[in-house]
Protein backbone atom coordinates (compact mmCIF):
# COMPACT_ATOMS: atom_id res chain seq x y z
CA MET A 1 52.13 -12.44 38.90
CA PHE A 2 49.44 -13.38 36.44
CA ARG A 3 48.90 -17.05 35.76
CA PHE A 4 46.73 -18.40 32.95
CA ASN A 5 43.86 -20.49 34.39
CA LYS A 6 42.95 -22.95 31.69
CA THR A 7 39.85 -24.23 33.53
CA GLY A 8 38.54 -20.74 34.21
CA ALA A 9 39.16 -19.64 30.62
CA LEU A 10 37.26 -22.60 29.27
CA ALA A 11 34.42 -21.90 31.66
CA ALA A 12 34.31 -18.29 30.53
CA VAL A 13 34.26 -19.32 26.89
CA SER A 14 31.52 -21.86 27.58
CA ALA A 15 29.44 -19.25 29.40
CA ALA A 16 29.85 -16.83 26.50
CA VAL A 17 28.79 -19.48 24.01
CA LEU A 18 25.79 -20.40 26.15
CA ALA A 19 24.76 -16.74 26.47
CA THR A 20 25.03 -16.30 22.71
CA THR A 21 23.01 -19.43 22.11
CA LEU A 22 20.28 -18.28 24.50
CA THR A 23 20.21 -14.86 22.85
CA VAL A 24 19.83 -16.42 19.39
CA THR A 25 17.15 -18.82 20.66
CA GLN A 26 15.23 -15.99 22.28
CA ALA A 27 15.53 -13.94 19.11
CA GLN A 28 14.09 -16.80 17.11
CA ALA A 29 11.07 -17.16 19.42
CA ARG A 30 8.20 -15.29 17.80
CA THR A 31 5.39 -13.44 19.55
CA ILE A 32 2.08 -12.84 17.81
CA SER A 33 -0.37 -10.19 18.97
CA TYR A 34 -3.93 -11.28 19.74
CA ALA A 35 -6.87 -8.87 19.94
CA SER A 36 -9.59 -10.07 22.31
CA VAL A 37 -13.06 -8.51 22.37
CA TYR A 38 -13.64 -9.41 26.03
CA PRO A 39 -12.39 -7.65 29.16
CA ALA A 40 -9.59 -8.94 31.34
CA GLY A 41 -10.82 -11.33 34.02
CA SER A 42 -13.79 -12.65 32.03
CA LYS A 43 -14.14 -16.37 31.28
CA ALA A 44 -13.55 -15.68 27.60
CA ASP A 45 -10.33 -13.88 28.57
CA GLU A 46 -9.35 -16.89 30.70
CA ALA A 47 -9.81 -19.23 27.74
CA VAL A 48 -7.76 -16.98 25.45
CA ASN A 49 -4.91 -16.70 27.93
CA THR A 50 -4.88 -20.47 28.36
CA TRP A 51 -4.68 -20.68 24.56
CA ALA A 52 -1.61 -18.43 24.69
CA ASP A 53 -0.03 -20.67 27.33
CA LYS A 54 -0.78 -23.78 25.28
CA LEU A 55 0.70 -22.15 22.19
CA ALA A 56 4.00 -21.66 23.97
CA GLU A 57 3.85 -25.20 25.33
CA TYR A 58 3.04 -26.94 22.05
CA SER A 59 5.66 -24.95 20.13
CA ASP A 60 8.33 -25.63 22.77
CA GLY A 61 8.57 -21.91 23.40
CA ASP A 62 9.15 -21.15 19.74
CA LEU A 63 5.84 -19.30 19.33
CA LYS A 64 4.14 -17.09 21.88
CA ALA A 65 1.11 -14.81 21.98
CA ARG A 66 0.51 -11.46 23.64
CA VAL A 67 -3.17 -10.98 24.43
CA PHE A 68 -4.75 -7.50 24.32
CA PRO A 69 -8.10 -7.72 26.17
CA MET A 70 -10.73 -5.35 24.78
CA SER A 71 -8.14 -2.73 23.85
CA LEU A 72 -6.24 -3.21 20.61
CA LEU A 73 -9.33 -3.72 18.42
CA SER A 74 -13.08 -3.64 19.12
CA ALA A 75 -15.43 -6.40 17.97
CA ALA A 76 -16.39 -4.27 14.97
CA GLU A 77 -12.72 -3.74 14.04
CA ILE A 78 -11.39 -7.30 14.29
CA SER A 79 -12.00 -8.36 10.69
CA ALA A 80 -10.23 -5.42 9.06
CA GLY A 81 -7.70 -5.13 11.88
CA VAL A 82 -6.40 -8.69 11.49
CA ARG A 83 -6.65 -8.41 7.71
CA ASP A 84 -4.42 -5.34 7.70
CA GLY A 85 -2.00 -6.64 10.33
CA ILE A 86 -2.92 -4.25 13.15
CA ALA A 87 -3.18 -7.46 15.16
CA ASP A 88 -1.68 -10.77 14.06
CA SER A 89 -4.67 -12.69 15.36
CA GLY A 90 -8.02 -12.04 17.02
CA TYR A 91 -11.41 -13.12 18.29
CA LEU A 92 -13.46 -12.75 15.12
CA LEU A 93 -17.25 -12.67 15.58
CA THR A 94 -18.47 -13.07 12.02
CA VAL A 95 -22.02 -11.95 12.77
CA TYR A 96 -20.82 -8.34 12.71
CA PHE A 97 -19.78 -8.75 9.07
CA PRO A 98 -22.74 -10.31 7.21
CA ALA A 99 -21.57 -9.41 3.71
CA GLU A 100 -18.04 -10.75 4.24
CA TYR A 101 -18.94 -14.10 5.86
CA PRO A 102 -22.37 -15.26 4.65
CA HIS A 103 -21.60 -19.00 4.52
CA ILE A 104 -20.11 -18.99 8.01
CA ASN A 105 -23.09 -17.06 9.33
CA LEU A 106 -25.50 -19.44 7.58
CA VAL A 107 -23.88 -22.35 9.42
CA ASN A 108 -23.96 -20.50 12.73
CA GLU A 109 -27.57 -19.43 12.38
CA SER A 110 -28.78 -23.00 12.16
CA ALA A 111 -27.81 -23.47 15.84
CA MET A 112 -31.39 -23.29 17.06
CA GLN A 113 -31.84 -26.77 15.57
CA ILE A 114 -30.46 -27.98 18.90
CA ASN A 115 -33.93 -27.11 20.26
CA LEU A 116 -35.33 -29.92 18.08
CA ILE A 117 -33.05 -32.70 19.40
CA ASP A 118 -34.32 -34.92 22.23
CA PRO A 119 -32.81 -33.51 25.44
CA GLU A 120 -32.19 -37.04 26.72
CA LYS A 121 -30.10 -37.78 23.65
CA LEU A 122 -28.11 -34.58 24.12
CA ASN A 123 -27.59 -35.34 27.81
CA GLY A 124 -26.55 -31.74 28.46
CA MET A 125 -23.82 -31.88 25.82
CA GLY A 126 -25.58 -30.02 23.01
CA THR A 127 -23.23 -27.02 23.06
CA PHE A 128 -20.15 -29.22 22.72
CA ALA A 129 -21.74 -31.33 20.01
CA PHE A 130 -22.67 -28.32 17.90
CA GLN A 131 -19.23 -26.78 18.45
CA GLY A 132 -17.56 -29.98 17.22
CA ALA A 133 -19.88 -30.23 14.23
CA VAL A 134 -19.34 -26.61 13.18
CA THR A 135 -15.56 -26.81 13.56
CA GLU A 136 -15.26 -30.03 11.56
CA PHE A 137 -17.62 -28.62 8.95
CA MET A 138 -15.60 -25.42 8.62
CA PHE A 139 -12.29 -27.21 8.13
CA PHE A 140 -13.37 -29.99 5.79
CA LYS A 141 -16.86 -29.54 4.36
CA CYS A 142 -17.31 -25.82 3.70
CA PRO A 143 -14.71 -24.56 1.23
CA GLU A 144 -16.82 -21.44 0.82
CA CYS A 145 -16.34 -20.69 4.53
CA LEU A 146 -12.56 -20.88 4.26
CA GLU A 147 -12.61 -18.83 1.07
CA GLU A 148 -14.55 -16.09 2.85
CA LEU A 149 -11.82 -15.92 5.47
CA LYS A 150 -9.10 -16.04 2.80
CA ALA A 151 -10.70 -13.12 0.98
CA GLN A 152 -10.24 -11.08 4.17
CA ASN A 153 -6.63 -12.29 4.61
CA HIS A 154 -7.62 -14.52 7.55
CA VAL A 155 -6.90 -18.19 8.32
CA PHE A 156 -9.14 -20.39 10.46
CA THR A 157 -7.28 -22.09 13.35
CA ALA A 158 -9.94 -22.41 16.05
CA ASN A 159 -13.62 -21.89 16.73
CA VAL A 160 -15.31 -20.58 19.84
CA ALA A 161 -18.89 -20.95 21.00
CA SER A 162 -21.19 -19.72 23.73
CA SER A 163 -23.55 -21.63 25.95
CA GLY A 164 -27.29 -21.53 25.24
CA TYR A 165 -28.90 -18.16 24.55
CA ALA A 166 -31.38 -16.55 26.95
CA MET A 167 -33.25 -13.25 27.34
CA ILE A 168 -31.43 -10.81 29.61
CA CYS A 169 -33.88 -7.98 30.21
CA ASN A 170 -35.17 -5.03 32.20
CA LYS A 171 -38.67 -6.51 32.54
CA PRO A 172 -40.22 -10.00 32.84
CA VAL A 173 -40.63 -11.89 29.54
CA VAL A 174 -42.28 -15.28 30.10
CA LYS A 175 -45.23 -15.38 27.69
CA PRO A 176 -45.38 -14.72 23.92
CA GLU A 177 -47.38 -11.53 24.48
CA ASP A 178 -44.64 -10.12 26.74
CA MET A 179 -42.47 -9.72 23.64
CA LYS A 180 -44.68 -7.15 21.95
CA GLY A 181 -42.92 -3.84 21.41
CA LEU A 182 -39.68 -4.84 23.10
CA ARG A 183 -36.35 -3.67 21.68
CA MET A 184 -34.03 -6.66 21.78
CA ARG A 185 -30.39 -6.86 20.80
CA VAL A 186 -29.67 -9.98 18.74
CA ALA A 187 -26.56 -11.64 17.30
CA GLY A 188 -27.94 -13.14 14.10
CA SER A 189 -30.79 -12.90 11.63
CA HIS A 190 -32.42 -16.10 12.98
CA TRP A 191 -32.82 -14.56 16.43
CA SER A 192 -34.00 -11.37 14.72
CA ARG A 193 -36.74 -13.34 12.98
CA TRP A 194 -37.64 -15.02 16.27
CA VAL A 195 -38.02 -11.60 17.93
CA SER A 196 -40.19 -10.39 15.04
CA GLU A 197 -42.29 -13.56 15.20
CA PHE A 198 -43.51 -12.52 18.64
CA GLY A 199 -43.91 -8.80 18.05
CA GLY A 200 -40.59 -7.37 19.21
CA SER A 201 -38.03 -5.37 17.26
CA SER A 202 -34.38 -6.34 16.91
CA VAL A 203 -31.46 -3.99 17.47
CA SER A 204 -27.89 -4.58 16.30
CA LEU A 205 -25.19 -3.61 18.81
CA THR A 206 -21.74 -5.03 19.43
CA ILE A 207 -21.00 -6.70 22.75
CA SER A 208 -18.97 -3.68 23.86
CA GLU A 209 -22.11 -1.52 23.55
CA LEU A 210 -24.48 -3.77 25.50
CA ARG A 211 -24.06 -2.36 28.97
CA GLU A 212 -24.63 1.21 27.85
CA GLY A 213 -27.60 0.20 25.68
CA LEU A 214 -29.33 -1.54 28.60
CA SER A 215 -28.53 1.17 31.14
CA GLN A 216 -29.77 4.00 28.91
CA GLY A 217 -32.98 2.28 27.83
CA VAL A 218 -31.94 1.85 24.20
CA LEU A 219 -32.55 -1.85 24.80
CA ASP A 220 -35.17 -3.71 26.80
CA CYS A 221 -33.29 -7.00 26.45
CA THR A 222 -30.30 -8.66 24.92
CA VAL A 223 -30.57 -12.16 23.49
CA SER A 224 -27.22 -13.48 24.73
CA SER A 225 -25.66 -16.38 26.58
CA LEU A 226 -26.02 -16.18 30.36
CA PRO A 227 -22.28 -15.81 31.12
CA GLU A 228 -22.26 -12.48 29.29
CA ILE A 229 -24.00 -11.12 32.38
CA THR A 230 -20.77 -11.43 34.34
CA ASN A 231 -18.36 -11.30 31.38
CA LEU A 232 -19.67 -7.85 30.48
CA ASN A 233 -20.67 -6.72 33.98
CA LEU A 234 -24.40 -6.46 33.24
CA THR A 235 -25.73 -7.30 36.72
CA GLU A 236 -26.41 -3.66 37.58
CA VAL A 237 -28.29 -2.89 34.37
CA VAL A 238 -30.67 -5.89 34.11
CA SER A 239 -33.54 -6.93 36.36
CA ASP A 240 -35.09 -10.02 34.73
CA VAL A 241 -33.63 -13.04 32.97
CA THR A 242 -35.54 -15.76 31.13
CA VAL A 243 -33.11 -18.67 31.08
CA ASP A 244 -34.64 -21.15 28.61
CA LEU A 245 -35.53 -19.14 25.50
CA PRO A 246 -34.79 -18.59 22.68
CA GLY A 247 -32.10 -21.28 22.92
CA GLY A 248 -29.46 -22.06 20.34
CA ILE A 249 -25.81 -21.05 20.73
CA TYR A 250 -23.46 -18.68 18.96
CA ALA A 251 -20.69 -20.61 17.22
CA GLY A 252 -19.81 -18.42 14.25
CA SER A 253 -16.49 -17.35 15.65
CA SER A 254 -13.06 -17.80 14.16
CA GLY A 255 -11.71 -17.70 17.69
CA ALA A 256 -8.03 -17.43 16.82
CA SER A 257 -8.35 -15.98 13.35
CA ILE A 258 -4.83 -15.29 12.14
CA ASN A 259 -3.51 -12.95 9.49
CA ALA A 260 -2.76 -15.04 6.37
CA ASP A 261 0.64 -13.43 5.82
CA VAL A 262 1.65 -14.26 9.38
CA TRP A 263 0.38 -17.84 8.97
CA SER A 264 2.31 -18.38 5.76
CA SER A 265 5.51 -17.09 7.38
CA LEU A 266 5.35 -19.71 10.14
CA SER A 267 7.02 -23.10 10.05
CA GLU A 268 4.86 -26.20 9.82
CA LYS A 269 5.73 -26.96 13.44
CA GLN A 270 4.47 -23.53 14.48
CA ARG A 271 1.26 -23.91 12.46
CA ARG A 272 0.66 -27.29 14.07
CA ALA A 273 1.18 -25.72 17.49
CA LEU A 274 -1.42 -23.08 16.64
CA LEU A 275 -3.88 -25.81 15.70
CA ARG A 276 -3.09 -27.81 18.83
CA ALA A 277 -3.69 -24.74 20.97
CA GLY A 278 -6.75 -24.02 18.82
CA ALA A 279 -8.28 -27.36 19.81
CA ASP A 280 -7.96 -26.29 23.45
CA LEU A 281 -9.54 -22.89 22.79
CA THR A 282 -12.35 -24.54 20.84
CA ALA A 283 -13.09 -26.79 23.82
CA ARG A 284 -12.34 -24.50 26.74
CA THR A 285 -14.42 -21.49 25.68
CA PRO A 286 -17.83 -23.22 25.58
CA TRP A 287 -16.87 -25.35 28.60
CA LEU A 288 -16.19 -22.27 30.73
CA TYR A 289 -19.38 -20.66 29.45
CA GLU A 290 -21.43 -23.71 30.45
CA MET A 291 -19.81 -23.80 33.89
CA GLN A 292 -20.39 -20.07 34.40
CA GLN A 293 -24.14 -20.08 33.81
CA ASP A 294 -25.14 -20.71 37.43
CA GLU A 295 -22.67 -18.08 38.64
CA SER A 296 -24.22 -15.50 36.32
CA VAL A 297 -27.77 -16.35 37.38
CA GLU A 298 -26.81 -16.05 41.06
CA ALA A 299 -25.17 -12.68 40.36
CA VAL A 300 -28.49 -11.36 39.04
CA ARG A 301 -30.34 -12.71 42.08
CA ALA A 302 -27.77 -11.21 44.45
CA ASN A 303 -28.38 -7.82 42.85
CA GLY A 304 -32.16 -8.10 43.37
CA GLY A 305 -33.05 -9.37 39.90
CA GLN A 306 -35.59 -12.07 39.03
CA ILE A 307 -34.98 -15.35 37.20
CA HIS A 308 -37.76 -16.78 35.01
CA THR A 309 -38.56 -19.77 32.83
CA ALA A 310 -40.80 -19.37 29.79
CA SER A 311 -44.34 -20.66 29.68
CA GLN A 312 -45.04 -23.96 27.93
CA GLU A 313 -46.99 -22.02 25.32
CA PHE A 314 -43.93 -19.88 24.57
CA ARG A 315 -41.62 -22.92 24.38
CA ASP A 316 -43.98 -24.76 22.02
CA ALA A 317 -44.33 -21.68 19.81
CA THR A 318 -40.53 -21.37 19.64
CA THR A 319 -40.16 -25.02 18.60
CA ALA A 320 -42.65 -24.42 15.79
CA PHE A 321 -40.70 -21.32 14.77
CA VAL A 322 -37.39 -23.21 14.61
CA GLU A 323 -38.85 -25.94 12.39
CA LYS A 324 -40.13 -23.31 9.98
CA ASP A 325 -37.09 -21.06 10.16
CA LEU A 326 -34.54 -23.66 9.06
CA LYS A 327 -36.08 -23.29 5.60
CA ASN A 328 -36.21 -19.52 5.92
CA ILE A 329 -32.47 -19.38 6.64
CA ILE A 330 -31.72 -21.00 3.30
CA THR A 331 -33.96 -18.56 1.44
CA TYR A 332 -32.66 -15.56 3.37
CA TYR A 333 -29.01 -16.25 2.59
CA GLN A 334 -29.68 -17.10 -1.03
CA GLU A 335 -31.69 -13.94 -1.70
CA ARG A 336 -29.60 -11.59 0.43
CA PHE A 337 -26.07 -12.89 -0.16
CA GLY A 338 -26.23 -15.28 -3.10
CA VAL A 339 -25.52 -18.45 -1.11
CA GLU A 340 -26.45 -21.21 -3.55
CA ARG A 341 -25.61 -24.32 -1.57
CA GLY A 342 -27.60 -23.51 1.57
CA GLU A 343 -29.85 -26.57 1.58
CA GLU A 344 -26.93 -28.93 0.98
CA ILE A 345 -24.84 -27.20 3.66
CA LEU A 346 -27.52 -27.50 6.34
CA SER A 347 -28.25 -31.10 5.42
CA GLU A 348 -24.57 -32.06 5.72
CA LEU A 349 -24.22 -30.08 8.94
CA ALA A 350 -27.20 -31.90 10.48
CA GLU A 351 -25.56 -35.25 9.68
CA THR A 352 -22.29 -34.06 11.19
CA LEU A 353 -24.12 -32.82 14.29
CA ASP A 354 -25.80 -36.19 14.76
CA LYS A 355 -22.35 -37.83 14.80
CA TRP A 356 -21.02 -35.32 17.30
CA VAL A 357 -23.89 -35.84 19.73
CA GLY A 358 -22.42 -39.29 20.23
CA LEU A 359 -18.75 -38.26 20.21
CA VAL A 360 -19.00 -35.86 23.15
CA GLN A 361 -20.91 -38.15 25.50
CA GLY A 362 -18.91 -39.07 28.60
CA VAL A 363 -16.49 -36.14 28.33
CA GLU A 364 -15.92 -34.74 31.82
CA THR A 365 -13.29 -31.99 31.51
CA PRO A 366 -12.27 -29.31 28.98
CA GLU A 367 -8.99 -31.16 28.53
CA GLU A 368 -10.82 -34.33 27.55
CA LEU A 369 -13.01 -32.36 25.14
CA ALA A 370 -9.91 -30.75 23.62
CA GLU A 371 -8.45 -34.21 23.03
CA VAL A 372 -11.62 -35.31 21.22
CA TYR A 373 -11.53 -32.19 19.06
CA TRP A 374 -7.82 -32.70 18.34
CA ASP A 375 -8.17 -36.37 17.46
CA GLU A 376 -11.31 -35.98 15.35
CA ILE A 377 -10.64 -32.60 13.70
CA PHE A 378 -7.50 -30.54 14.20
CA SER A 379 -4.92 -33.35 13.87
CA LYS A 380 -6.31 -34.09 10.40
CA VAL A 381 -5.67 -30.58 9.05
CA ASP A 382 -2.80 -30.51 6.53
CA VAL A 383 -0.57 -27.68 7.74
CA SER A 384 1.40 -27.73 4.48
CA SER A 385 -1.63 -26.52 2.53
CA HIS A 386 -4.28 -25.15 4.91
CA GLY A 387 -4.71 -21.40 4.52
CA LEU A 388 -2.06 -21.14 1.81
């Protein structure tokens, strides 16, 4: 005989309600696609996946990211791909799009000014100081930079930077005369002018084309950060690395550039979570690059390659070039792209950089650096108006 079990019925109803609630909650959680330009397992990929984890954490699971490493869009496709919604977000390297992002590239191409700062004052923190200065400048002091992104239907939520740039080559390059006739891949007009200054010729290739270019002899060298040796698996196609020139870093990257329509559809809590995660990405990427430099150098040695430092003559000549080229950058971007405020921009950036040299001293972990970036930059962004 059937007997009604009040306790069991209530439990069943409660379970049904809970299941419905979980289903609704899961349905409300949103996943954004992210196109990375680096392969799975690289340090850049590690930083991006940590960003995805942080995004879920800071949004209380309300916003998630699915990372597509070096598959959904190539480096040359990121700008249009995010603009058109093929990916919701991506690792935008603005150097590949000079006409679309001239102000951002102007800011980035002043990075060799780090060569002019007293190394004792930098105390090994130059990369993190320039990254902080560029990120603050982009958010609050360069409306033209944000407008360039807006024109491409992008919103700036994080920046990424490399460690210092070196010469990764198939022959020794230690003296100025060693540069003559070399074909060198560069990631900016300032490095192109540096190559020309010493008799080489610059070649423009995306990062996904580097390995093939070096292996087939299209390139003699790439001017890149040292971790790209292992990030892009270059150990088998290079034989000589000069670790201390040309210097400077690459920081012209909207590292979690998000489609403006997606951004505007998010709640303010979700936008704030993106910025909070963005602070981590902005800190973790250059930190991992800095930590990876020795590993990359040892990988070249283990494969029979040679590691070099430049001659004093070459270093002195490069310093003289940088002093002269800071003026050339202003002229170049004014004549080529109509940038009118170049001198003012670089002056303000230099002041911001001087402040950041002090702010990053004593930082010992990427988490600590992320907190500095959050406190000094990202937390001050108004999510009710930014990018809208």
